[in-house]
Amino acid sequence: MTLTIGKLTRLMVYSLSSLVDNSHLLTHLTPIAYRVLKLELVIIEMATVLSYCVLFFYSLQRLSKGHKLNNTAIAMLFVALLCHGYTSYLHIDGGNGQNLGLFNIFCMTTWLAMCLVSWNLLKHNAYPLLIVSIPVAAISIIEVAVFPGVSLISLNGKFLNVLHILSGIASLSIMLIAALQSLLILYLDKTLRSNPAGVTQWFGPLQGMERYLVQLLTTGFLLMSISLFLVLLLPNELKSEQAIHKVILTLCSWIVLAVLMYGRYIRGWRGVYAARWSLLGIFLLLTGYFGSKFVLEFFLS
């Protein structure tokens, strides 16, 4: 399938702006046009998974031989991001609203996360984070292809709702990266203690990985705070039982991360201790959002 320049241009923008209003695009589709759209979706999903698989094995092969990632790998990554973003757009942009189902949101979350990982890769050569992020992104594409789900809502003219959703998804994306970074820190710390010679060359220094983790946690914590504050301005969002569970778990995560922020900036916490605290807070956050939506869509609907 050949993507036109217009589609490639809309790709990055529409994956976020689809939350505002694109409902007119699919309202009057004929059966033939609908089947063509479904075929296009299947093709782009397969292309995304294939791009990530090729990128993963190609990058792992080069890094295992002691080489840096070249322009070919960067081009593969760019293609995978385009396909991933377009897949997210096609799933979220519904004919009668925006489809914010569980795996659709997870697909968009991993796309934003991969965009941040790519930026960090270009700036700091963060190879380990790329290697562990690619399988998560590929799995999110497979999940949304197998379990597309339907959770249509209309966000026309609801600016605060859109801002709440975007800040929440951005926070989830950053915290997902922070969780992967914490696991890398724990692995590297354990390897340095037990078998220093076993550390691969493409792992960066532990201090640099810790600094980046703190940056991720701080940014994600601020976005989470904004998202929680906006909930107070949207009383209708607190009426459902699922929303209450999500807010309670998110508040618990916020408290854990607030303690971690205090410990890091005031008490100087770092290393394994900070990584474990961050994993606890991020686990509560991801459970609060994805766990509650999973129960709602697969058991209660």
Protein backbone atom coordinates (compact mmCIF):
# COMPACT_ATOMS: atom_id res chain seq x y z
CA MET A 1 0.00 0.00 0.00
CA THR A 2 1.27 3.42 -0.88
CA LEU A 3 0.69 6.24 1.58
CA THR A 4 0.11 9.62 0.02
CA ILE A 5 2.01 12.66 1.22
CA GLY A 6 -1.24 14.03 2.65
CA LYS A 7 -1.75 10.95 4.79
CA LEU A 8 1.81 11.04 6.04
CA THR A 9 1.38 14.69 6.96
CA ARG A 10 -1.89 14.04 8.79
CA LEU A 11 -0.42 11.04 10.59
CA MET A 12 1.36 12.78 13.46
CA VAL A 13 -1.33 15.42 13.86
CA TYR A 14 -4.45 13.28 13.63
CA SER A 15 -3.31 10.68 16.15
CA LEU A 16 -3.82 13.42 18.75
CA SER A 17 -6.32 15.69 17.03
CA SER A 18 -8.67 12.77 16.38
CA LEU A 19 -9.75 13.32 19.97
CA VAL A 20 -11.33 16.63 18.96
CA ASP A 21 -13.64 16.01 15.98
CA ASN A 22 -13.19 13.95 12.84
CA SER A 23 -16.54 12.18 12.92
CA HIS A 24 -17.58 13.45 9.49
CA LEU A 25 -14.89 11.34 7.78
CA LEU A 26 -16.65 7.97 8.16
CA THR A 27 -20.30 8.96 8.48
CA HIS A 28 -21.42 8.19 4.92
CA LEU A 29 -19.19 5.27 3.94
CA THR A 30 -20.62 2.84 1.42
CA PRO A 31 -20.19 -0.91 2.09
CA ILE A 32 -17.40 -1.07 -0.52
CA ALA A 33 -15.61 1.92 1.00
CA TYR A 34 -15.96 0.35 4.44
CA ARG A 35 -14.37 -2.90 3.27
CA VAL A 36 -11.55 -0.94 1.63
CA LEU A 37 -10.97 0.91 4.91
CA LYS A 38 -10.89 -2.36 6.87
CA LEU A 39 -8.41 -3.81 4.38
CA GLU A 40 -6.27 -0.70 4.70
CA LEU A 41 -6.34 -1.08 8.48
CA VAL A 42 -5.26 -4.74 8.33
CA ILE A 43 -2.42 -3.89 5.94
CA ILE A 44 -1.14 -1.01 8.05
CA GLU A 45 -1.31 -3.16 11.21
CA MET A 46 0.71 -5.91 9.55
CA ALA A 47 3.19 -3.35 8.23
CA THR A 48 3.60 -1.88 11.72
CA VAL A 49 4.27 -5.21 13.41
CA LEU A 50 6.64 -6.25 10.62
CA SER A 51 8.50 -2.92 10.85
CA TYR A 52 8.98 -3.31 14.58
CA CYS A 53 10.14 -6.92 14.23
CA VAL A 54 12.69 -6.06 11.54
CA LEU A 55 13.90 -3.07 13.54
CA PHE A 56 14.24 -5.14 16.72
CA PHE A 57 16.34 -7.94 15.21
CA TYR A 58 18.39 -5.59 13.04
CA SER A 59 19.20 -3.32 16.00
CA LEU A 60 19.96 -6.23 18.30
CA GLN A 61 22.31 -7.75 15.72
CA ARG A 62 24.25 -4.52 15.26
CA LEU A 63 24.49 -3.79 18.96
CA SER A 64 25.59 -7.33 19.81
CA LYS A 65 28.51 -6.87 17.38
CA GLY A 66 29.53 -3.62 19.05
CA HIS A 67 28.23 -1.33 16.29
CA LYS A 68 26.09 1.76 16.73
CA LEU A 69 22.73 2.05 15.04
CA ASN A 70 23.14 3.53 11.59
CA ASN A 71 20.85 5.58 9.35
CA THR A 72 19.16 2.41 8.14
CA ALA A 73 17.94 1.64 11.66
CA ILE A 74 16.78 5.24 12.13
CA ALA A 75 14.85 5.04 8.85
CA MET A 76 13.23 1.77 9.98
CA LEU A 77 12.26 3.40 13.25
CA PHE A 78 10.72 6.37 11.43
CA VAL A 79 8.67 4.06 9.18
CA ALA A 80 7.49 2.06 12.20
CA LEU A 81 6.43 5.26 13.98
CA LEU A 82 4.47 6.45 10.94
CA CYS A 83 2.68 3.11 10.60
CA HIS A 84 2.02 2.95 14.34
CA GLY A 85 0.62 6.48 14.49
CA TYR A 86 -1.60 5.90 11.46
CA THR A 87 -2.90 2.66 12.99
CA SER A 88 -3.76 4.52 16.19
CA TYR A 89 -5.56 7.22 14.20
CA LEU A 90 -7.64 4.71 12.21
CA HIS A 91 -8.74 2.91 15.38
CA ILE A 92 -9.53 5.97 17.48
CA ASP A 93 -11.25 8.10 14.84
CA GLY A 94 -14.78 6.67 14.71
CA GLY A 95 -17.71 7.58 12.51
CA ASN A 96 -19.92 8.72 15.38
CA GLY A 97 -17.26 9.84 17.83
CA GLN A 98 -13.89 8.81 19.17
CA ASN A 99 -13.31 5.15 20.03
CA LEU A 100 -11.41 5.26 23.32
CA GLY A 101 -11.43 1.56 24.04
CA LEU A 102 -8.81 -0.08 26.23
CA PHE A 103 -6.45 -1.30 23.52
CA ASN A 104 -6.99 1.78 21.36
CA ILE A 105 -5.74 3.95 24.21
CA PHE A 106 -2.88 1.52 24.89
CA CYS A 107 -1.91 1.67 21.21
CA MET A 108 -1.81 5.47 21.32
CA THR A 109 0.07 5.38 24.63
CA THR A 110 2.80 3.15 23.20
CA TRP A 111 3.02 5.34 20.09
CA LEU A 112 3.68 8.44 22.19
CA ALA A 113 6.14 6.43 24.27
CA MET A 114 8.01 5.30 21.14
CA CYS A 115 8.17 8.91 19.93
CA LEU A 116 9.86 9.88 23.21
CA VAL A 117 12.16 6.87 23.05
CA SER A 118 13.14 7.82 19.50
CA TRP A 119 13.92 11.38 20.56
CA ASN A 120 16.05 10.11 23.43
CA LEU A 121 17.77 7.69 21.05
CA LEU A 122 18.76 10.50 18.71
CA LYS A 123 19.91 12.74 21.56
CA HIS A 124 21.65 10.28 23.89
CA ASN A 125 21.98 6.93 22.05
CA ALA A 126 19.68 5.20 24.54
CA TYR A 127 19.90 1.78 22.92
CA PRO A 128 18.70 -0.40 25.84
CA LEU A 129 15.48 1.58 26.21
CA LEU A 130 14.76 1.18 22.50
CA ILE A 131 15.32 -2.58 22.61
CA VAL A 132 12.89 -3.12 25.51
CA SER A 133 10.31 -0.67 24.13
CA ILE A 134 9.93 -2.21 20.68
CA PRO A 135 8.27 -5.48 21.87
CA VAL A 136 5.79 -3.51 24.00
CA ALA A 137 4.84 -1.35 21.00
CA ALA A 138 4.46 -4.38 18.73
CA ILE A 139 2.29 -6.17 21.30
CA SER A 140 0.02 -3.11 21.53
CA ILE A 141 -0.56 -3.29 17.76
CA ILE A 142 -1.38 -7.00 17.91
CA GLU A 143 -3.79 -6.42 20.80
CA VAL A 144 -5.66 -3.60 19.09
CA ALA A 145 -5.90 -5.71 15.92
CA VAL A 146 -7.31 -8.73 17.75
CA PHE A 147 -9.42 -6.83 20.33
CA PRO A 148 -10.37 -3.50 18.72
CA GLY A 149 -13.23 -2.90 21.16
CA VAL A 150 -15.89 -0.20 20.97
CA SER A 151 -16.09 2.65 23.47
CA LEU A 152 -17.41 5.60 21.48
CA ILE A 153 -17.71 9.03 23.03
CA SER A 154 -18.21 12.44 21.50
CA LEU A 155 -15.78 15.19 22.50
CA ASN A 156 -17.20 17.95 20.34
CA GLY A 157 -16.70 21.26 22.11
CA LYS A 158 -15.49 19.59 25.33
CA PHE A 159 -12.13 21.26 25.71
CA LEU A 160 -11.57 20.30 29.35
CA ASN A 161 -12.37 16.66 28.59
CA VAL A 162 -9.92 16.65 25.70
CA LEU A 163 -7.24 18.28 27.86
CA HIS A 164 -7.88 15.76 30.64
CA ILE A 165 -7.60 12.82 28.23
CA LEU A 166 -4.48 14.12 26.50
CA SER A 167 -2.68 14.91 29.76
CA GLY A 168 -3.63 11.49 31.10
CA ILE A 169 -2.39 9.65 28.00
CA ALA A 170 0.82 11.69 27.95
CA SER A 171 1.37 10.84 31.62
CA LEU A 172 0.75 7.14 30.94
CA SER A 173 3.21 7.20 28.04
CA ILE A 174 5.96 8.80 30.10
CA MET A 175 5.33 6.52 33.07
CA LEU A 176 5.44 3.48 30.80
CA ILE A 177 8.91 4.53 29.65
CA ALA A 178 9.87 5.22 33.28
CA ALA A 179 8.82 1.67 34.24
CA LEU A 180 10.99 0.19 31.48
CA GLN A 181 13.87 2.47 32.50
CA SER A 182 13.49 1.35 36.13
CA LEU A 183 13.71 -2.29 35.08
CA LEU A 184 16.86 -1.53 33.10
CA ILE A 185 18.39 0.20 36.13
CA LEU A 186 17.59 -2.76 38.38
CA TYR A 187 19.06 -5.17 35.82
CA LEU A 188 22.21 -3.09 35.33
CA ASP A 189 22.72 -2.64 39.07
CA LYS A 190 22.37 -6.38 39.70
CA THR A 191 24.75 -7.22 36.83
CA LEU A 192 27.36 -4.72 38.03
CA ARG A 193 27.29 -6.27 41.49
CA SER A 194 27.38 -9.91 40.43
CA ASN A 195 29.23 -9.92 37.11
CA PRO A 196 30.61 -6.53 35.96
CA ALA A 197 32.22 -8.11 32.91
CA GLY A 198 28.81 -9.27 31.73
CA VAL A 199 27.53 -5.74 31.09
CA THR A 200 27.14 -5.17 27.37
CA GLN A 201 28.95 -2.24 25.77
CA TRP A 202 25.78 -0.48 24.59
CA PHE A 203 24.49 0.03 28.13
CA GLY A 204 25.13 3.59 29.20
CA PRO A 205 26.47 4.61 32.63
CA LEU A 206 24.17 3.89 35.55
CA GLN A 207 24.23 7.52 36.72
CA GLY A 208 23.00 8.74 33.34
CA MET A 209 20.16 6.21 33.33
CA GLU A 210 19.16 7.33 36.84
CA ARG A 211 19.10 10.99 35.78
CA TYR A 212 16.86 10.21 32.83
CA LEU A 213 14.54 8.20 35.09
CA VAL A 214 14.18 11.20 37.41
CA GLN A 215 13.39 13.44 34.43
CA LEU A 216 10.72 11.01 33.25
CA LEU A 217 9.17 10.67 36.70
CA THR A 218 9.12 14.43 37.27
CA THR A 219 7.47 15.16 33.93
CA GLY A 220 4.99 12.29 34.29
CA PHE A 221 4.16 13.38 37.84
CA LEU A 222 3.38 16.93 36.70
CA LEU A 223 1.14 15.70 33.88
CA MET A 224 -0.61 13.30 36.24
CA SER A 225 -1.22 16.20 38.65
CA ILE A 226 -2.76 18.25 35.82
CA SER A 227 -4.99 15.34 34.80
CA LEU A 228 -6.20 14.81 38.38
CA PHE A 229 -6.86 18.53 38.83
CA LEU A 230 -8.96 18.58 35.67
CA VAL A 231 -11.08 15.74 37.05
CA LEU A 232 -12.20 18.10 39.82
CA LEU A 233 -13.49 20.47 37.14
CA LEU A 234 -15.43 17.64 35.48
CA PRO A 235 -17.85 16.37 38.16
CA ASN A 236 -19.70 14.19 35.63
CA GLU A 237 -16.51 12.14 35.23
CA LEU A 238 -16.78 10.99 38.85
CA LYS A 239 -20.30 9.59 38.69
CA SER A 240 -19.47 6.14 37.33
CA GLU A 241 -18.12 3.43 39.60
CA GLN A 242 -15.33 2.65 37.13
CA ALA A 243 -14.18 6.28 37.20
CA ILE A 244 -14.10 6.28 41.00
CA HIS A 245 -11.90 3.17 41.09
CA LYS A 246 -9.59 4.72 38.51
CA VAL A 247 -9.30 8.00 40.42
CA ILE A 248 -8.63 6.23 43.74
CA LEU A 249 -5.82 4.11 42.30
CA THR A 250 -4.42 7.11 40.45
CA LEU A 251 -4.41 9.09 43.72
CA CYS A 252 -2.56 6.23 45.42
CA SER A 253 -0.02 6.30 42.59
CA TRP A 254 0.24 10.08 42.88
CA ILE A 255 0.97 9.80 46.62
CA VAL A 256 3.66 7.15 46.06
CA LEU A 257 5.31 9.25 43.35
CA ALA A 258 5.01 12.38 45.49
CA VAL A 259 6.91 10.60 48.26
CA LEU A 260 9.47 9.52 45.68
CA MET A 261 9.83 13.11 44.41
CA TYR A 262 10.36 14.30 47.99
CA GLY A 263 12.88 11.55 48.67
CA ARG A 264 14.78 12.21 45.46
CA TYR A 265 15.00 16.00 45.63
CA ILE A 266 15.11 16.47 49.42
CA ARG A 267 16.64 13.27 50.81
CA GLY A 268 18.77 12.31 47.80
CA TRP A 269 17.24 8.91 47.09
CA ARG A 270 18.69 7.25 44.01
CA GLY A 271 19.59 3.96 42.36
CA VAL A 272 17.72 0.76 43.13
CA TYR A 273 15.73 2.31 45.96
CA ALA A 274 14.24 5.00 43.72
CA ALA A 275 13.65 2.50 40.89
CA ARG A 276 11.61 0.21 43.14
CA TRP A 277 9.50 3.08 44.44
CA SER A 278 8.87 4.25 40.90
CA LEU A 279 7.76 0.76 39.82
CA LEU A 280 5.24 0.67 42.69
CA GLY A 281 3.77 4.05 41.77
CA ILE A 282 3.66 3.28 38.06
CA PHE A 283 2.06 -0.11 38.71
CA LEU A 284 -0.75 1.57 40.64
CA LEU A 285 -1.21 4.13 37.87
CA LEU A 286 -1.35 1.58 35.05
CA THR A 287 -3.62 -0.69 37.10
CA GLY A 288 -5.92 2.20 37.88
CA TYR A 289 -6.44 3.11 34.23
CA PHE A 290 -5.93 -0.01 32.14
CA GLY A 291 -7.08 -2.43 34.83
CA SER A 292 -10.37 -0.65 35.42
CA LYS A 293 -11.05 -0.34 31.68
CA PHE A 294 -10.21 -4.02 31.18
CA VAL A 295 -12.73 -5.10 33.81
CA LEU A 296 -15.36 -2.71 32.45
CA GLU A 297 -15.01 -3.70 28.77
CA PHE A 298 -14.40 -7.46 29.09
CA PHE A 299 -16.36 -8.46 32.20
CA LEU A 300 -19.05 -5.89 32.92
CA SER A 301 -20.07 -4.79 29.41
